[in-house]
Amino acid sequence: MNAPTLQRATPQGTPLDDADFRAVYEFLNHESDCLGCGDLPAWQALLAPQIRYRVMAPAFLDAARPRHYGRGTPYFDDDADSLAIRVRQLSTPSFTIAENPPTIARHFVTNIRASRVADGIEALSNVLVLRVRSTEPEPAILSARRVDLLVQTPEGLRLASRLAQLDQVSVRQPNLSFFI
């Protein structure tokens, strides 16, 4: 698998035809709906067995290159096993206080660009997450840039890799018990 990078504006590879782009678009919107509805088991079913899921804090290292995407400290660096544990924990109210009562989160995915690469389909996108908690007076907004690797399976497209770079230097949330 090629190392994902968020420093480019367009994906590398061969452009998709309209039907394949529509499949990517539908997949990313379906994934967002699963997360927004709190159906984490359905979201987990959209993951490939080899999933690597990373969410990074932004790194500002020098004035010549003010933003270093994909470097720095990861908030998450998960595989299928660790994601399964998180999904089970967050889907079982008696296992966690972080999501009891549950968060309301809306995921808005935009600026989707995709192309075929050797390992599957690379999709670049931006995401905005609006999070509302009953214990917090103000909603929280997080934004990120993502690069995903989608692979075709007999069940349809599946997410094999995600690298998300948060835009905020400091996430002012009591927890990060949600997915980007």
Protein backbone atom coordinates (compact mmCIF):
# COMPACT_ATOMS: atom_id res chain seq x y z
CA MET A 1 0.00 0.00 0.00
CA ASN A 2 1.32 3.42 -0.88
CA ALA A 3 1.85 5.79 2.05
CA PRO A 4 -1.09 8.22 2.14
CA THR A 5 -0.34 11.89 2.10
CA LEU A 6 -2.62 14.84 2.66
CA GLN A 7 -0.32 17.46 1.17
CA ARG A 8 -1.73 17.27 -2.33
CA ALA A 9 -4.93 18.72 -3.75
CA THR A 10 -5.77 15.84 -6.06
CA PRO A 11 -5.49 12.07 -5.67
CA GLN A 12 -2.84 10.19 -7.60
CA GLY A 13 -3.84 7.55 -10.10
CA THR A 14 -6.31 7.08 -12.90
CA PRO A 15 -9.50 9.18 -12.88
CA LEU A 16 -12.71 7.30 -12.11
CA ASP A 17 -15.62 7.02 -14.50
CA ASP A 18 -18.95 8.48 -13.40
CA ALA A 19 -20.33 5.18 -12.06
CA ASP A 20 -17.26 4.48 -9.92
CA PHE A 21 -17.17 8.05 -8.60
CA ARG A 22 -20.87 7.77 -7.71
CA ALA A 23 -20.11 4.53 -5.81
CA VAL A 24 -17.39 6.32 -3.80
CA TYR A 25 -19.72 9.26 -3.14
CA GLU A 26 -22.51 6.93 -1.99
CA PHE A 27 -20.12 4.93 0.20
CA LEU A 28 -18.78 8.02 2.00
CA ASN A 29 -22.30 9.38 2.54
CA HIS A 30 -23.56 6.02 3.81
CA GLU A 31 -20.60 5.84 6.20
CA SER A 32 -21.40 9.35 7.46
CA ASP A 33 -25.04 8.40 8.00
CA CYS A 34 -24.05 5.29 9.99
CA LEU A 35 -21.92 7.46 12.27
CA GLY A 36 -24.54 10.21 12.52
CA CYS A 37 -27.27 7.73 13.44
CA GLY A 38 -25.02 6.07 16.00
CA ASP A 39 -25.13 2.73 14.20
CA LEU A 40 -21.53 1.81 14.93
CA PRO A 41 -21.92 -1.91 14.11
CA ALA A 42 -23.16 -0.92 10.62
CA TRP A 43 -20.19 1.46 10.32
CA GLN A 44 -17.81 -1.30 11.41
CA ALA A 45 -19.22 -3.55 8.66
CA LEU A 46 -17.95 -0.97 6.13
CA LEU A 47 -14.34 -1.57 7.21
CA ALA A 48 -11.97 -3.93 5.42
CA PRO A 49 -10.20 -6.52 7.60
CA GLN A 50 -6.85 -4.76 7.02
CA ILE A 51 -8.17 -1.36 8.17
CA ARG A 52 -5.73 1.19 9.51
CA TYR A 53 -7.52 4.22 10.95
CA ARG A 54 -5.43 7.23 11.93
CA VAL A 55 -6.52 10.68 13.08
CA MET A 56 -3.65 13.10 13.50
CA ALA A 57 -3.18 16.35 15.37
CA PRO A 58 -1.85 19.08 13.10
CA ALA A 59 1.89 19.73 13.11
CA PHE A 60 3.26 23.21 12.55
CA LEU A 61 7.01 22.77 12.29
CA ASP A 62 8.53 25.74 10.47
CA ALA A 63 7.67 28.94 8.63
CA ALA A 64 8.71 27.63 5.19
CA ARG A 65 6.18 24.78 5.36
CA PRO A 66 3.60 25.94 7.87
CA ARG A 67 1.51 22.76 7.77
CA HIS A 68 2.84 19.21 7.88
CA TYR A 69 -0.04 16.90 7.10
CA GLY A 70 0.05 13.34 8.32
CA ARG A 71 2.87 13.97 10.78
CA GLY A 72 2.78 14.64 14.46
CA THR A 73 0.88 13.01 17.26
CA PRO A 74 -1.95 10.64 16.42
CA TYR A 75 -5.18 10.93 18.36
CA PHE A 76 -6.06 7.51 16.97
CA ASP A 77 -3.93 4.83 15.34
CA ASP A 78 -6.23 1.84 15.18
CA ASP A 79 -6.53 -1.48 13.39
CA ALA A 80 -9.52 -3.83 13.04
CA ASP A 81 -9.11 -5.27 16.54
CA SER A 82 -8.82 -1.95 18.38
CA LEU A 83 -11.71 -0.48 16.35
CA ALA A 84 -13.86 -3.51 17.23
CA ILE A 85 -13.17 -2.89 20.92
CA ARG A 86 -14.07 0.81 20.60
CA VAL A 87 -17.27 0.04 18.66
CA ARG A 88 -18.34 -2.52 21.27
CA GLN A 89 -17.57 -0.13 24.11
CA LEU A 90 -19.36 2.82 22.54
CA SER A 91 -22.35 0.68 21.48
CA THR A 92 -22.89 -0.69 25.00
CA PRO A 93 -24.11 2.01 27.41
CA SER A 94 -23.04 0.05 30.49
CA PHE A 95 -19.44 -0.12 29.17
CA THR A 96 -18.83 3.63 28.95
CA ILE A 97 -19.75 6.89 30.58
CA ALA A 98 -18.24 8.91 27.71
CA GLU A 99 -21.29 8.29 25.50
CA ASN A 100 -24.01 7.88 28.08
CA PRO A 101 -26.18 9.75 27.15
CA PRO A 102 -25.10 9.42 23.53
CA THR A 103 -23.61 12.27 21.56
CA ILE A 104 -25.47 13.64 18.57
CA ALA A 105 -22.96 13.99 15.74
CA ARG A 106 -23.44 14.99 12.13
CA HIS A 107 -20.71 14.30 9.60
CA PHE A 108 -20.57 16.44 6.49
CA VAL A 109 -18.26 15.10 3.79
CA THR A 110 -17.36 17.41 0.94
CA ASN A 111 -14.77 18.20 -1.73
CA ILE A 112 -14.53 14.52 -2.66
CA ARG A 113 -11.89 13.71 -5.24
CA ALA A 114 -11.08 10.11 -6.13
CA SER A 115 -8.96 8.05 -8.47
CA ARG A 116 -7.97 4.45 -9.02
CA VAL A 117 -4.58 3.47 -7.59
CA ALA A 118 -2.78 0.13 -7.46
CA ASP A 119 -4.35 -0.85 -4.12
CA GLY A 120 -7.93 0.29 -4.81
CA ILE A 121 -9.53 3.73 -4.91
CA GLU A 122 -7.96 6.72 -3.20
CA ALA A 123 -10.49 9.30 -2.05
CA LEU A 124 -9.52 12.72 -0.72
CA SER A 125 -12.18 14.67 1.15
CA ASN A 126 -12.88 17.26 3.79
CA VAL A 127 -15.13 16.52 6.71
CA LEU A 128 -16.95 18.70 9.20
CA VAL A 129 -18.31 17.09 12.36
CA LEU A 130 -20.92 18.88 14.44
CA ARG A 131 -21.12 17.32 17.89
CA VAL A 132 -23.84 18.04 20.43
CA ARG A 133 -23.69 16.66 23.95
CA SER A 134 -26.42 17.00 26.53
CA THR A 135 -23.79 17.89 29.12
CA GLU A 136 -22.20 20.71 27.09
CA PRO A 137 -23.94 24.07 26.52
CA GLU A 138 -22.38 24.72 23.11
CA PRO A 139 -22.01 22.39 20.14
CA ALA A 140 -18.50 21.49 19.04
CA ILE A 141 -17.30 21.69 15.47
CA LEU A 142 -14.31 19.74 14.20
CA SER A 143 -12.93 19.83 10.69
CA ALA A 144 -10.42 17.57 9.02
CA ARG A 145 -8.87 16.63 5.73
CA ARG A 146 -8.92 12.92 4.91
CA VAL A 147 -7.36 10.48 2.53
CA ASP A 148 -9.07 7.11 2.33
CA LEU A 149 -8.19 3.91 0.55
CA LEU A 150 -11.31 2.03 -0.52
CA VAL A 151 -11.13 -1.55 -1.75
CA GLN A 152 -13.68 -3.51 -3.72
CA THR A 153 -15.00 -6.65 -2.02
CA PRO A 154 -17.87 -9.03 -2.87
CA GLU A 155 -19.95 -6.96 -0.41
CA GLY A 156 -19.06 -3.68 -2.13
CA LEU A 157 -16.58 -0.95 -1.29
CA ARG A 158 -14.85 -1.17 2.09
CA LEU A 159 -12.58 1.28 3.90
CA ALA A 160 -9.05 -0.17 4.08
CA SER A 161 -7.20 2.92 5.31
CA ARG A 162 -8.03 6.37 6.63
CA LEU A 163 -5.63 9.16 7.44
CA ALA A 164 -7.43 12.20 8.83
CA GLN A 165 -5.70 15.43 9.78
CA LEU A 166 -7.64 17.57 12.22
CA ASP A 167 -7.48 21.30 11.55
CA GLN A 168 -7.66 22.34 15.19
CA VAL A 169 -4.43 22.45 17.16
CA SER A 170 -6.35 21.91 20.39
CA VAL A 171 -9.52 19.81 20.51
CA ARG A 172 -11.68 21.29 23.22
CA GLN A 173 -13.76 18.26 23.95
CA PRO A 174 -14.15 16.24 27.15
CA ASN A 175 -13.38 13.11 25.10
CA LEU A 176 -12.82 11.87 21.57
CA SER A 177 -15.33 9.04 21.73
CA PHE A 178 -16.47 9.50 18.15
CA PHE A 179 -15.07 8.84 14.70
CA ILE A 180 -13.93 11.37 12.07
